[in-house]
N, C-alpha and C. Protein backbone atom coordinates (compact mmCIF):
# COMPACT_ATOMS: atom_id res chain seq x y z
N MET A 1 -175.08 64.65 100.27
CA MET A 1 -173.68 64.38 100.63
C MET A 1 -172.77 64.74 99.49
N ARG A 2 -173.14 64.39 98.24
CA ARG A 2 -172.30 64.73 97.09
C ARG A 2 -172.17 66.23 96.94
N THR A 3 -173.27 66.93 97.25
CA THR A 3 -173.21 68.39 97.13
C THR A 3 -172.27 68.99 98.14
N VAL A 4 -172.30 68.46 99.38
CA VAL A 4 -171.42 68.97 100.44
C VAL A 4 -169.99 68.73 100.10
N ARG A 5 -169.65 67.48 99.62
CA ARG A 5 -168.25 67.14 99.28
C ARG A 5 -167.76 68.03 98.14
N SER A 6 -168.62 68.32 97.18
CA SER A 6 -168.20 69.18 96.07
C SER A 6 -167.87 70.57 96.55
N HIS A 7 -168.70 71.08 97.48
CA HIS A 7 -168.41 72.41 98.04
C HIS A 7 -167.12 72.42 98.82
N LEU A 8 -166.87 71.35 99.60
CA LEU A 8 -165.63 71.29 100.39
C LEU A 8 -164.41 71.23 99.50
N LEU A 9 -164.42 70.43 98.44
CA LEU A 9 -163.26 70.33 97.52
C LEU A 9 -163.03 71.65 96.80
N ALA A 10 -164.12 72.28 96.44
CA ALA A 10 -163.96 73.58 95.76
C ALA A 10 -163.34 74.60 96.68
N ALA A 11 -163.78 74.55 97.97
CA ALA A 11 -163.22 75.50 98.94
C ALA A 11 -161.76 75.22 99.19
N ALA A 12 -161.43 73.91 99.27
CA ALA A 12 -160.01 73.55 99.51
C ALA A 12 -159.16 73.97 98.34
N GLY A 13 -159.67 73.77 97.10
CA GLY A 13 -158.89 74.19 95.92
C GLY A 13 -158.69 75.66 95.88
N LEU A 14 -159.71 76.43 96.26
CA LEU A 14 -159.57 77.89 96.29
C LEU A 14 -158.55 78.32 97.31
N THR A 15 -158.54 77.64 98.47
CA THR A 15 -157.58 77.99 99.53
C THR A 15 -156.16 77.73 99.08
N LEU A 16 -155.91 76.56 98.42
CA LEU A 16 -154.54 76.23 97.94
C LEU A 16 -154.10 77.21 96.87
N ALA A 17 -155.01 77.57 96.00
CA ALA A 17 -154.65 78.53 94.95
C ALA A 17 -154.29 79.86 95.54
N THR A 18 -155.05 80.25 96.58
CA THR A 18 -154.76 81.54 97.25
C THR A 18 -153.40 81.52 97.90
N LEU A 19 -153.07 80.39 98.59
CA LEU A 19 -151.76 80.28 99.25
C LEU A 19 -150.63 80.30 98.23
N ALA A 20 -150.82 79.60 97.13
CA ALA A 20 -149.77 79.57 96.11
C ALA A 20 -149.53 80.94 95.53
N LEU A 21 -150.61 81.68 95.26
CA LEU A 21 -150.48 83.03 94.71
C LEU A 21 -149.82 83.95 95.70
N THR A 22 -150.19 83.77 97.01
CA THR A 22 -149.58 84.61 98.05
C THR A 22 -148.09 84.35 98.15
N ALA A 23 -147.68 83.03 98.03
CA ALA A 23 -146.25 82.69 98.15
C ALA A 23 -145.46 83.26 96.99
N CYS A 24 -146.06 83.30 95.79
CA CYS A 24 -145.35 83.83 94.62
C CYS A 24 -145.21 85.32 94.69
N ASN A 25 -146.14 85.99 95.36
CA ASN A 25 -146.13 87.44 95.37
C ASN A 25 -145.52 88.04 96.62
N ASP A 26 -145.09 87.19 97.60
CA ASP A 26 -144.64 87.79 98.87
C ASP A 26 -143.18 88.18 98.82
N GLY A 27 -142.42 87.90 97.67
CA GLY A 27 -141.04 88.37 97.55
C GLY A 27 -140.04 87.51 98.25
N SER A 28 -140.50 86.41 98.89
CA SER A 28 -139.53 85.59 99.65
C SER A 28 -138.72 84.71 98.73
N GLY A 29 -139.23 84.35 97.55
CA GLY A 29 -138.50 83.52 96.59
C GLY A 29 -138.43 82.08 97.00
N THR A 30 -139.23 81.67 98.01
CA THR A 30 -139.15 80.29 98.50
C THR A 30 -139.51 79.31 97.42
N THR A 31 -140.61 79.56 96.69
CA THR A 31 -141.05 78.64 95.66
C THR A 31 -140.06 78.60 94.50
N ASP A 32 -139.54 79.78 94.04
CA ASP A 32 -138.59 79.82 92.93
C ASP A 32 -137.30 79.13 93.27
N GLU A 33 -136.81 79.32 94.50
CA GLU A 33 -135.53 78.72 94.91
C GLU A 33 -135.62 77.22 94.92
N GLY A 34 -136.77 76.69 95.40
CA GLY A 34 -136.94 75.24 95.42
C GLY A 34 -137.03 74.68 94.03
N ALA A 35 -137.62 75.39 93.09
CA ALA A 35 -137.76 74.90 91.72
C ALA A 35 -136.45 74.95 90.97
N ALA A 36 -135.50 75.84 91.37
CA ALA A 36 -134.24 75.99 90.65
C ALA A 36 -133.29 74.85 90.90
N LYS A 37 -133.44 74.18 92.04
CA LYS A 37 -132.47 73.14 92.40
C LYS A 37 -132.47 71.99 91.43
N PRO A 38 -133.62 71.38 91.11
CA PRO A 38 -133.55 70.29 90.14
C PRO A 38 -133.07 70.74 88.78
N THR A 39 -133.32 72.02 88.40
CA THR A 39 -132.85 72.52 87.10
C THR A 39 -131.34 72.57 87.06
N ALA A 40 -130.67 73.09 88.14
CA ALA A 40 -129.21 73.17 88.20
C ALA A 40 -128.60 71.80 88.23
N SER A 41 -129.26 70.87 88.95
CA SER A 41 -128.73 69.52 89.06
C SER A 41 -128.78 68.81 87.74
N SER A 42 -129.85 69.02 86.97
CA SER A 42 -129.99 68.32 85.70
C SER A 42 -129.01 68.83 84.66
N THR A 43 -128.58 70.10 84.73
CA THR A 43 -127.63 70.63 83.76
C THR A 43 -126.20 70.41 84.18
N ALA A 44 -125.92 70.14 85.48
CA ALA A 44 -124.55 69.99 85.95
C ALA A 44 -123.91 68.74 85.42
N THR A 45 -124.71 67.68 85.27
CA THR A 45 -124.12 66.40 84.86
C THR A 45 -123.50 66.46 83.48
N PRO A 46 -124.21 66.91 82.41
CA PRO A 46 -123.56 66.99 81.10
C PRO A 46 -122.46 68.03 81.05
N THR A 47 -122.62 69.16 81.80
CA THR A 47 -121.58 70.19 81.77
C THR A 47 -120.29 69.67 82.37
N THR A 48 -120.36 68.92 83.47
CA THR A 48 -119.15 68.39 84.13
C THR A 48 -118.49 67.34 83.26
N GLY A 49 -119.26 66.54 82.53
CA GLY A 49 -118.70 65.48 81.72
C GLY A 49 -117.95 65.99 80.50
N LYS A 50 -118.39 67.07 79.86
CA LYS A 50 -117.82 67.54 78.61
C LYS A 50 -116.38 68.01 78.73
N PRO A 51 -115.98 68.84 79.74
CA PRO A 51 -114.59 69.27 79.82
C PRO A 51 -113.62 68.11 79.95
N SER A 52 -113.95 67.08 80.74
CA SER A 52 -113.03 65.96 80.91
C SER A 52 -112.85 65.18 79.64
N ALA A 53 -113.89 65.14 78.78
CA ALA A 53 -113.78 64.38 77.55
C ALA A 53 -113.04 65.15 76.47
N THR A 54 -113.19 66.48 76.41
CA THR A 54 -112.60 67.27 75.35
C THR A 54 -111.08 67.28 75.39
N PRO A 55 -110.39 67.59 76.55
CA PRO A 55 -108.93 67.57 76.57
C PRO A 55 -108.38 66.19 76.27
N ALA A 56 -109.06 65.15 76.73
CA ALA A 56 -108.53 63.80 76.53
C ALA A 56 -108.44 63.48 75.06
N SER A 57 -109.42 63.88 74.27
CA SER A 57 -109.38 63.59 72.84
C SER A 57 -108.50 64.56 72.09
N GLY A 58 -108.24 65.72 72.65
CA GLY A 58 -107.47 66.73 71.94
C GLY A 58 -105.98 66.68 72.24
N THR A 59 -105.55 66.14 73.38
CA THR A 59 -104.15 66.20 73.77
C THR A 59 -103.49 64.86 73.90
N THR A 60 -104.20 63.80 73.93
CA THR A 60 -103.61 62.48 74.12
C THR A 60 -103.98 61.57 72.97
N LYS A 61 -102.96 60.99 72.35
CA LYS A 61 -103.19 60.05 71.27
C LYS A 61 -103.01 58.63 71.79
N SER A 62 -103.68 57.72 71.16
CA SER A 62 -103.51 56.33 71.54
C SER A 62 -102.14 55.85 71.08
N PRO A 63 -101.58 54.81 71.73
CA PRO A 63 -100.25 54.32 71.33
C PRO A 63 -100.16 54.00 69.85
N SER A 64 -101.22 53.52 69.26
CA SER A 64 -101.17 53.15 67.85
C SER A 64 -101.04 54.36 66.94
N GLN A 65 -101.37 55.56 67.45
CA GLN A 65 -101.30 56.76 66.64
C GLN A 65 -99.94 57.43 66.69
N GLN A 66 -99.07 57.05 67.61
CA GLN A 66 -97.77 57.68 67.71
C GLN A 66 -96.67 56.64 67.90
N PRO A 67 -96.51 55.72 66.92
CA PRO A 67 -95.47 54.70 67.07
C PRO A 67 -94.07 55.28 67.02
N SER A 68 -93.89 56.44 66.35
CA SER A 68 -92.55 57.00 66.22
C SER A 68 -91.98 57.44 67.56
N ARG A 69 -92.83 57.66 68.56
CA ARG A 69 -92.32 58.11 69.86
C ARG A 69 -91.90 56.95 70.75
N GLN A 70 -92.24 55.75 70.34
CA GLN A 70 -91.86 54.59 71.13
C GLN A 70 -90.52 54.09 70.64
N GLN A 71 -89.43 54.73 71.09
CA GLN A 71 -88.10 54.39 70.62
C GLN A 71 -87.51 53.24 71.44
N PRO A 72 -86.75 52.34 70.80
CA PRO A 72 -86.06 51.30 71.56
C PRO A 72 -84.96 51.90 72.42
N SER A 73 -84.48 51.14 73.38
CA SER A 73 -83.49 51.65 74.33
C SER A 73 -82.19 52.01 73.65
N SER A 74 -81.92 51.43 72.47
CA SER A 74 -80.68 51.70 71.76
C SER A 74 -80.78 52.85 70.78
N ALA A 75 -81.91 53.57 70.80
CA ALA A 75 -82.11 54.66 69.84
C ALA A 75 -81.15 55.80 70.13
N VAL A 76 -80.84 56.58 69.08
CA VAL A 76 -79.97 57.74 69.24
C VAL A 76 -80.66 58.78 70.09
N PRO A 77 -80.00 59.36 71.10
CA PRO A 77 -80.64 60.38 71.94
C PRO A 77 -81.15 61.54 71.11
N ALA A 78 -82.20 62.21 71.65
CA ALA A 78 -82.83 63.30 70.90
C ALA A 78 -81.89 64.47 70.67
N ASP A 79 -80.85 64.63 71.52
CA ASP A 79 -79.97 65.78 71.40
C ASP A 79 -78.79 65.52 70.47
N SER A 80 -78.78 64.42 69.72
CA SER A 80 -77.71 64.16 68.78
C SER A 80 -78.28 63.91 67.40
N ASP A 81 -77.43 64.12 66.36
CA ASP A 81 -77.88 63.97 64.99
C ASP A 81 -76.78 63.27 64.21
N ASP A 82 -77.05 62.05 63.74
CA ASP A 82 -76.05 61.28 63.02
C ASP A 82 -75.78 61.81 61.62
N THR A 83 -76.56 62.77 61.15
CA THR A 83 -76.37 63.32 59.82
C THR A 83 -75.77 64.71 59.83
N ASP A 84 -75.55 65.28 60.99
CA ASP A 84 -75.02 66.64 61.09
C ASP A 84 -73.63 66.60 61.71
N PRO A 85 -72.56 66.83 60.91
CA PRO A 85 -71.20 66.78 61.45
C PRO A 85 -70.97 67.71 62.64
N ALA A 86 -71.70 68.84 62.66
CA ALA A 86 -71.52 69.78 63.76
C ALA A 86 -71.99 69.20 65.09
N ALA A 87 -72.83 68.16 65.04
CA ALA A 87 -73.35 67.56 66.26
C ALA A 87 -72.56 66.34 66.71
N TYR A 88 -71.53 65.95 65.94
CA TYR A 88 -70.74 64.79 66.32
C TYR A 88 -69.95 65.07 67.59
N PRO A 89 -69.68 64.06 68.40
CA PRO A 89 -68.81 64.26 69.56
C PRO A 89 -67.38 64.50 69.11
N PHE A 90 -66.55 64.99 70.01
CA PHE A 90 -65.15 65.21 69.68
C PHE A 90 -64.36 63.93 69.88
N CYS A 91 -63.40 63.72 69.01
CA CYS A 91 -62.51 62.57 69.18
C CYS A 91 -61.60 62.86 70.37
N ASN A 92 -61.40 61.88 71.22
CA ASN A 92 -60.49 62.03 72.36
C ASN A 92 -60.05 60.65 72.82
N GLY A 93 -59.42 60.60 73.97
CA GLY A 93 -58.90 59.34 74.46
C GLY A 93 -59.95 58.34 74.87
N ALA A 94 -61.22 58.77 74.97
CA ALA A 94 -62.29 57.87 75.39
C ALA A 94 -62.90 57.10 74.23
N ASN A 95 -62.85 57.66 73.01
CA ASN A 95 -63.49 56.99 71.88
C ASN A 95 -62.52 56.67 70.74
N THR A 96 -61.21 56.76 71.04
CA THR A 96 -60.20 56.44 70.03
C THR A 96 -59.03 55.68 70.68
N THR A 97 -58.19 55.12 69.82
CA THR A 97 -56.89 54.62 70.27
C THR A 97 -55.82 55.44 69.56
N VAL A 98 -54.74 55.75 70.27
CA VAL A 98 -53.69 56.63 69.74
C VAL A 98 -52.36 55.89 69.77
N THR A 99 -51.63 55.97 68.67
CA THR A 99 -50.28 55.40 68.61
C THR A 99 -49.30 56.50 68.21
N ALA A 100 -48.06 56.35 68.65
CA ALA A 100 -46.99 57.29 68.32
C ALA A 100 -45.82 56.49 67.77
N GLN A 101 -45.48 56.72 66.52
CA GLN A 101 -44.47 55.92 65.85
C GLN A 101 -43.39 56.81 65.23
N PRO A 102 -42.13 56.69 65.67
CA PRO A 102 -41.04 57.41 65.00
C PRO A 102 -40.89 56.91 63.56
N VAL A 103 -40.58 57.82 62.65
CA VAL A 103 -40.41 57.47 61.23
C VAL A 103 -38.99 57.83 60.79
N SER A 104 -38.56 57.15 59.73
CA SER A 104 -37.21 57.42 59.22
C SER A 104 -37.18 58.63 58.30
N ARG A 105 -38.28 58.88 57.63
CA ARG A 105 -38.38 60.04 56.75
C ARG A 105 -39.72 60.72 56.96
N PRO A 106 -39.70 62.05 57.10
CA PRO A 106 -38.53 62.92 57.24
C PRO A 106 -37.80 62.70 58.57
N LEU A 107 -36.61 63.22 58.66
CA LEU A 107 -35.79 63.02 59.84
C LEU A 107 -36.43 63.65 61.07
N ASN A 108 -36.20 62.98 62.21
CA ASN A 108 -36.61 63.51 63.51
C ASN A 108 -38.12 63.78 63.58
N HIS A 109 -38.88 62.89 63.00
CA HIS A 109 -40.33 63.05 63.02
C HIS A 109 -41.01 61.87 63.71
N LEU A 110 -42.18 62.19 64.26
CA LEU A 110 -43.03 61.20 64.92
C LEU A 110 -44.41 61.26 64.26
N LEU A 111 -45.00 60.11 64.01
CA LEU A 111 -46.34 60.09 63.41
C LEU A 111 -47.35 59.66 64.47
N LEU A 112 -48.33 60.53 64.71
CA LEU A 112 -49.43 60.20 65.61
C LEU A 112 -50.61 59.70 64.79
N THR A 113 -51.18 58.57 65.20
CA THR A 113 -52.34 58.00 64.52
C THR A 113 -53.48 57.86 65.52
N VAL A 114 -54.64 58.40 65.16
CA VAL A 114 -55.83 58.33 66.02
C VAL A 114 -56.90 57.53 65.28
N GLU A 115 -57.31 56.41 65.83
CA GLU A 115 -58.35 55.58 65.22
C GLU A 115 -59.64 55.67 66.03
N ASN A 116 -60.75 55.93 65.34
CA ASN A 116 -62.05 56.00 65.99
C ASN A 116 -62.51 54.59 66.34
N THR A 117 -62.56 54.29 67.62
CA THR A 117 -63.01 52.97 68.09
C THR A 117 -64.42 53.02 68.64
N GLY A 118 -65.09 54.15 68.50
CA GLY A 118 -66.46 54.29 68.99
C GLY A 118 -67.47 53.81 67.96
N SER A 119 -68.74 53.98 68.27
CA SER A 119 -69.82 53.55 67.39
C SER A 119 -70.41 54.69 66.57
N LYS A 120 -69.89 55.90 66.77
CA LYS A 120 -70.40 57.07 66.05
C LYS A 120 -69.23 57.84 65.46
N PRO A 121 -69.48 58.65 64.42
CA PRO A 121 -68.42 59.53 63.91
C PRO A 121 -67.99 60.51 65.00
N CYS A 122 -66.76 60.97 64.91
CA CYS A 122 -66.27 61.99 65.84
C CYS A 122 -65.42 63.00 65.08
N ASN A 123 -65.33 64.19 65.62
CA ASN A 123 -64.56 65.27 65.00
C ASN A 123 -63.20 65.41 65.68
N LEU A 124 -62.16 65.37 64.85
CA LEU A 124 -60.78 65.53 65.32
C LEU A 124 -60.37 66.96 65.04
N THR A 125 -60.47 67.82 66.04
CA THR A 125 -60.36 69.26 65.82
C THR A 125 -58.96 69.82 66.12
N TYR A 126 -58.57 70.81 65.34
CA TYR A 126 -57.34 71.57 65.52
C TYR A 126 -56.11 70.66 65.47
N TYR A 127 -55.32 70.63 66.53
CA TYR A 127 -54.05 69.90 66.53
C TYR A 127 -53.84 69.24 67.89
N PRO A 128 -52.98 68.24 67.97
CA PRO A 128 -52.74 67.62 69.27
C PRO A 128 -51.91 68.53 70.17
N VAL A 129 -52.30 68.60 71.41
CA VAL A 129 -51.52 69.33 72.41
C VAL A 129 -50.62 68.30 73.10
N LEU A 130 -49.30 68.48 72.96
CA LEU A 130 -48.35 67.46 73.38
C LEU A 130 -47.65 67.83 74.68
N ARG A 131 -47.37 66.80 75.46
CA ARG A 131 -46.62 67.01 76.69
C ARG A 131 -45.75 65.78 76.95
N PHE A 132 -44.44 65.97 76.88
CA PHE A 132 -43.51 64.91 77.23
C PHE A 132 -43.19 65.00 78.72
N ASP A 133 -43.33 63.90 79.41
CA ASP A 133 -43.01 63.84 80.84
C ASP A 133 -43.67 65.00 81.59
N GLU A 134 -42.86 65.81 82.26
CA GLU A 134 -43.40 66.95 83.03
C GLU A 134 -43.13 68.28 82.34
N MET A 135 -43.11 68.26 81.04
CA MET A 135 -42.82 69.45 80.25
C MET A 135 -43.75 70.60 80.65
N GLN A 136 -43.19 71.80 80.79
CA GLN A 136 -43.95 72.95 81.27
C GLN A 136 -44.35 73.92 80.16
N TRP A 137 -44.19 73.54 78.93
CA TRP A 137 -44.58 74.43 77.83
C TRP A 137 -45.33 73.62 76.77
N ALA A 138 -46.15 74.31 76.02
CA ALA A 138 -46.97 73.65 74.99
C ALA A 138 -46.47 74.06 73.61
N PRO A 139 -46.03 73.10 72.81
CA PRO A 139 -45.53 73.44 71.47
C PRO A 139 -46.64 73.96 70.57
N ARG A 140 -46.28 74.92 69.74
CA ARG A 140 -47.22 75.50 68.80
C ARG A 140 -47.25 74.69 67.51
N PRO A 141 -48.36 74.71 66.77
CA PRO A 141 -48.48 73.89 65.56
C PRO A 141 -47.88 74.58 64.33
N VAL A 142 -47.74 73.80 63.28
CA VAL A 142 -47.36 74.34 61.97
C VAL A 142 -48.63 74.95 61.35
N GLU A 143 -48.71 76.25 61.31
CA GLU A 143 -49.94 76.90 60.84
C GLU A 143 -50.23 76.58 59.38
N ALA A 144 -49.18 76.34 58.60
CA ALA A 144 -49.40 76.03 57.18
C ALA A 144 -50.12 74.70 56.98
N SER A 145 -50.18 73.88 58.04
CA SER A 145 -50.82 72.57 57.92
C SER A 145 -52.31 72.60 58.26
N HIS A 146 -52.84 73.78 58.51
CA HIS A 146 -54.26 73.90 58.86
C HIS A 146 -55.12 73.37 57.72
N PRO A 147 -55.97 72.35 57.96
CA PRO A 147 -56.79 71.79 56.87
C PRO A 147 -57.94 72.71 56.49
N GLN A 148 -58.54 72.42 55.33
CA GLN A 148 -59.65 73.23 54.86
C GLN A 148 -60.92 73.00 55.68
N ALA A 149 -61.06 71.81 56.23
CA ALA A 149 -62.25 71.48 57.01
C ALA A 149 -61.85 70.60 58.19
N VAL A 150 -62.77 70.52 59.15
CA VAL A 150 -62.52 69.67 60.31
C VAL A 150 -62.41 68.21 59.87
N VAL A 151 -61.46 67.50 60.45
CA VAL A 151 -61.30 66.08 60.14
C VAL A 151 -62.35 65.29 60.91
N THR A 152 -63.21 64.59 60.18
CA THR A 152 -64.25 63.76 60.80
C THR A 152 -63.90 62.30 60.57
N LEU A 153 -63.90 61.53 61.64
CA LEU A 153 -63.57 60.10 61.56
C LEU A 153 -64.81 59.26 61.77
N ASN A 154 -65.16 58.45 60.79
CA ASN A 154 -66.20 57.46 60.98
C ASN A 154 -65.63 56.31 61.80
N PRO A 155 -66.48 55.50 62.40
CA PRO A 155 -65.97 54.36 63.17
C PRO A 155 -65.00 53.52 62.33
N GLY A 156 -63.81 53.27 62.88
CA GLY A 156 -62.79 52.49 62.18
C GLY A 156 -61.82 53.31 61.37
N GLU A 157 -62.11 54.59 61.13
CA GLU A 157 -61.22 55.44 60.36
C GLU A 157 -60.16 56.08 61.25
N SER A 158 -59.08 56.56 60.62
CA SER A 158 -57.96 57.14 61.38
C SER A 158 -57.63 58.54 60.88
N GLY A 159 -57.12 59.35 61.79
CA GLY A 159 -56.59 60.66 61.47
C GLY A 159 -55.14 60.72 61.92
N TYR A 160 -54.40 61.71 61.40
CA TYR A 160 -52.95 61.71 61.62
C TYR A 160 -52.43 63.11 61.93
N ALA A 161 -51.30 63.13 62.63
CA ALA A 161 -50.57 64.37 62.85
C ALA A 161 -49.08 64.03 62.84
N GLY A 162 -48.31 64.87 62.16
CA GLY A 162 -46.86 64.71 62.18
C GLY A 162 -46.27 65.58 63.27
N VAL A 163 -45.18 65.12 63.86
CA VAL A 163 -44.54 65.89 64.93
C VAL A 163 -43.05 66.02 64.61
N LEU A 164 -42.60 67.25 64.41
CA LEU A 164 -41.16 67.51 64.30
C LEU A 164 -40.59 67.48 65.71
N LEU A 165 -39.71 66.53 65.99
CA LEU A 165 -39.18 66.37 67.34
C LEU A 165 -38.01 67.32 67.63
N SER A 166 -37.11 67.47 66.67
CA SER A 166 -35.95 68.32 66.88
C SER A 166 -35.41 68.80 65.55
N ALA A 167 -34.68 69.89 65.58
CA ALA A 167 -34.13 70.47 64.35
C ALA A 167 -33.02 69.57 63.82
N ALA A 168 -33.05 69.32 62.53
CA ALA A 168 -32.04 68.45 61.92
C ALA A 168 -30.65 69.07 61.96
N ASP A 169 -30.57 70.38 61.97
CA ASP A 169 -29.26 71.05 61.99
C ASP A 169 -28.76 71.32 63.40
N GLY A 170 -29.51 70.83 64.41
CA GLY A 170 -29.07 71.00 65.78
C GLY A 170 -29.26 72.39 66.35
N SER A 171 -30.08 73.21 65.70
CA SER A 171 -30.28 74.59 66.15
C SER A 171 -31.24 74.72 67.32
N GLY A 172 -31.90 73.65 67.69
CA GLY A 172 -32.85 73.73 68.78
C GLY A 172 -32.18 73.78 70.14
N ASP A 173 -32.87 74.30 71.12
CA ASP A 173 -32.34 74.41 72.48
C ASP A 173 -33.01 73.39 73.39
N GLY A 174 -32.34 73.15 74.53
CA GLY A 174 -32.94 72.35 75.60
C GLY A 174 -33.27 70.93 75.20
N GLY A 175 -32.44 70.31 74.37
CA GLY A 175 -32.71 68.95 73.95
C GLY A 175 -32.72 67.97 75.11
N THR A 176 -33.65 67.05 75.11
CA THR A 176 -33.76 66.04 76.15
C THR A 176 -34.52 64.83 75.61
N THR A 177 -34.50 63.74 76.36
CA THR A 177 -35.20 62.53 75.94
C THR A 177 -36.51 62.38 76.70
N GLY A 178 -37.59 62.23 75.94
CA GLY A 178 -38.90 62.05 76.55
C GLY A 178 -39.23 60.58 76.71
N ARG A 179 -39.74 60.20 77.88
CA ARG A 179 -40.08 58.80 78.17
C ARG A 179 -41.59 58.56 78.15
N LYS A 180 -42.34 59.60 78.37
CA LYS A 180 -43.80 59.48 78.40
C LYS A 180 -44.41 60.63 77.62
N LEU A 181 -45.37 60.29 76.76
CA LEU A 181 -46.04 61.30 75.95
C LEU A 181 -47.53 61.33 76.28
N THR A 182 -48.05 62.53 76.55
CA THR A 182 -49.49 62.73 76.75
C THR A 182 -50.02 63.54 75.59
N VAL A 183 -51.04 63.01 74.93
CA VAL A 183 -51.69 63.70 73.82
C VAL A 183 -53.04 64.19 74.30
N MET A 184 -53.21 65.51 74.26
CA MET A 184 -54.48 66.12 74.68
C MET A 184 -55.25 66.61 73.46
N PHE A 185 -56.58 66.56 73.56
CA PHE A 185 -57.45 66.89 72.44
C PHE A 185 -58.19 68.20 72.70
N GLN A 186 -58.54 68.87 71.61
CA GLN A 186 -59.27 70.13 71.72
C GLN A 186 -60.72 69.94 71.28
N ALA A 187 -61.56 70.87 71.74
CA ALA A 187 -62.98 70.82 71.41
C ALA A 187 -63.27 71.80 70.27
N GLY A 188 -64.41 72.50 70.36
CA GLY A 188 -64.86 73.33 69.25
C GLY A 188 -64.20 74.68 69.12
N THR A 189 -63.41 75.09 70.13
CA THR A 189 -62.69 76.35 70.07
C THR A 189 -61.23 76.09 70.40
N PRO A 190 -60.31 76.91 69.89
CA PRO A 190 -58.89 76.68 70.15
C PRO A 190 -58.57 76.65 71.64
N ASN A 191 -57.73 75.70 72.01
CA ASN A 191 -57.24 75.54 73.39
C ASN A 191 -58.34 75.16 74.38
N SER A 192 -59.46 74.66 73.87
CA SER A 192 -60.51 74.19 74.77
C SER A 192 -60.31 72.70 75.06
N ASP A 193 -60.93 72.24 76.13
CA ASP A 193 -60.78 70.86 76.57
C ASP A 193 -61.69 69.95 75.76
N GLY A 194 -61.10 69.04 74.98
CA GLY A 194 -61.88 68.15 74.15
C GLY A 194 -62.19 66.81 74.79
N GLY A 195 -61.82 66.62 76.03
CA GLY A 195 -62.14 65.36 76.71
C GLY A 195 -60.90 64.61 77.14
N ALA A 196 -61.06 63.32 77.33
CA ALA A 196 -59.99 62.48 77.87
C ALA A 196 -58.75 62.52 76.99
N SER A 197 -57.59 62.57 77.62
CA SER A 197 -56.32 62.56 76.91
C SER A 197 -55.88 61.12 76.65
N ALA A 198 -54.78 60.96 75.92
CA ALA A 198 -54.24 59.63 75.62
C ALA A 198 -52.75 59.62 75.93
N THR A 199 -52.24 58.45 76.25
CA THR A 199 -50.80 58.29 76.54
C THR A 199 -50.26 57.14 75.69
N PRO A 200 -50.00 57.40 74.42
CA PRO A 200 -49.49 56.34 73.55
C PRO A 200 -48.10 55.90 73.99
N ALA A 201 -47.80 54.64 73.77
CA ALA A 201 -46.50 54.09 74.16
C ALA A 201 -45.40 54.65 73.26
N LEU A 202 -44.23 54.87 73.86
CA LEU A 202 -43.05 55.33 73.14
C LEU A 202 -42.03 54.19 73.08
N PRO A 203 -41.07 54.28 72.19
CA PRO A 203 -40.00 53.28 72.19
C PRO A 203 -39.33 53.21 73.56
N ALA A 204 -38.79 52.06 73.90
CA ALA A 204 -38.18 51.85 75.22
C ALA A 204 -37.08 52.87 75.51
N LYS A 205 -36.35 53.28 74.48
CA LYS A 205 -35.27 54.25 74.67
C LYS A 205 -35.77 55.68 74.74
N GLY A 206 -37.09 55.89 74.52
CA GLY A 206 -37.65 57.22 74.51
C GLY A 206 -37.42 57.91 73.19
N VAL A 207 -37.78 59.17 73.09
CA VAL A 207 -37.56 59.97 71.89
C VAL A 207 -36.90 61.28 72.27
N TYR A 208 -36.01 61.72 71.44
CA TYR A 208 -35.29 62.97 71.68
C TYR A 208 -36.07 64.13 71.07
N TYR A 209 -36.21 65.21 71.83
CA TYR A 209 -36.88 66.41 71.32
C TYR A 209 -36.17 67.65 71.87
N ASP A 210 -36.41 68.79 71.22
CA ASP A 210 -35.83 70.05 71.69
C ASP A 210 -36.86 71.16 71.52
N SER A 211 -36.40 72.39 71.56
CA SER A 211 -37.32 73.54 71.55
C SER A 211 -38.03 73.72 70.22
N THR A 212 -37.61 73.01 69.19
CA THR A 212 -38.29 73.12 67.89
C THR A 212 -39.45 72.13 67.78
N LEU A 213 -39.80 71.45 68.85
CA LEU A 213 -40.90 70.49 68.85
C LEU A 213 -42.17 71.16 68.30
N THR A 214 -42.70 70.59 67.21
CA THR A 214 -43.84 71.21 66.52
C THR A 214 -44.76 70.14 65.93
N PRO A 215 -46.05 70.15 66.30
CA PRO A 215 -47.00 69.22 65.67
C PRO A 215 -47.71 69.89 64.48
N THR A 216 -48.27 69.08 63.61
CA THR A 216 -49.14 69.61 62.57
C THR A 216 -50.59 69.58 63.08
N TYR A 217 -51.46 70.20 62.33
CA TYR A 217 -52.89 70.01 62.57
C TYR A 217 -53.24 68.58 62.17
N TRP A 218 -54.38 68.12 62.66
CA TRP A 218 -54.84 66.78 62.30
C TRP A 218 -55.14 66.72 60.81
N GLN A 219 -54.75 65.60 60.18
CA GLN A 219 -54.93 65.40 58.76
C GLN A 219 -55.68 64.08 58.51
N THR A 220 -56.21 63.95 57.31
CA THR A 220 -56.90 62.73 56.95
C THR A 220 -55.96 61.68 56.36
N ALA A 221 -54.75 62.06 56.00
CA ALA A 221 -53.78 61.12 55.40
C ALA A 221 -52.43 61.24 56.09
N ALA A 222 -51.75 60.11 56.27
CA ALA A 222 -50.45 60.10 56.93
C ALA A 222 -49.41 60.88 56.11
N ASP A 223 -49.48 60.76 54.78
CA ASP A 223 -48.52 61.47 53.93
C ASP A 223 -48.64 62.99 54.12
N ASP A 224 -49.86 63.47 54.25
CA ASP A 224 -50.05 64.90 54.47
C ASP A 224 -49.47 65.31 55.82
N ALA A 225 -49.65 64.48 56.82
CA ALA A 225 -49.17 64.81 58.16
C ALA A 225 -47.63 64.87 58.21
N LEU A 226 -46.98 64.08 57.35
CA LEU A 226 -45.50 64.03 57.36
C LEU A 226 -44.87 64.90 56.29
N SER A 227 -45.66 65.76 55.67
CA SER A 227 -45.14 66.61 54.62
C SER A 227 -44.66 67.96 55.12
N TYR A 228 -44.66 68.16 56.41
CA TYR A 228 -44.25 69.46 56.98
C TYR A 228 -43.01 69.29 57.85
């Protein structure tokens, strides 16, 4: 019996070996294709995991690594610079208060005072554009009063402009009394819109002006504004 069983097992082993050799040599690829599947599956897991981990560590920092980006709500916006005068907003009726005061000397002059009531510095550019009531013309400035640099007002500081209302010798034309004054502001280029205008109060009797109406450029001192 042992001899018979040994012969049968040997025959069965020879048959399986023959079938396996035939399957490898028949060109069908059945055995190779089945063996490739566990190989692809075993390599897919680490390959899929690596790309997701690499960008995360390379492009994203933990909050503790970038505290400078966590700005409070009151932080200065990224598009402004408190140290660069060129980036300051323009002074206008929205961030200043404007007063208009007639003066006794020089004769027929008005002093405009602009105070920065905002929380940031502002640039007071060029000269005030004036309009009394429904006046249809814009007075030109005294060119000799052009300052060396733009007048910058820190919060609480004031800038000034003198206004010649009428010729002392009476040579001006079209004299009339103005009851309402509108002061308009300029931006970074001449005759550009600098923002909200202002309407400072005038004396109850108004102010007299004629065709010689002339403002100065904005100045840092009242004496300079009234020297023209």
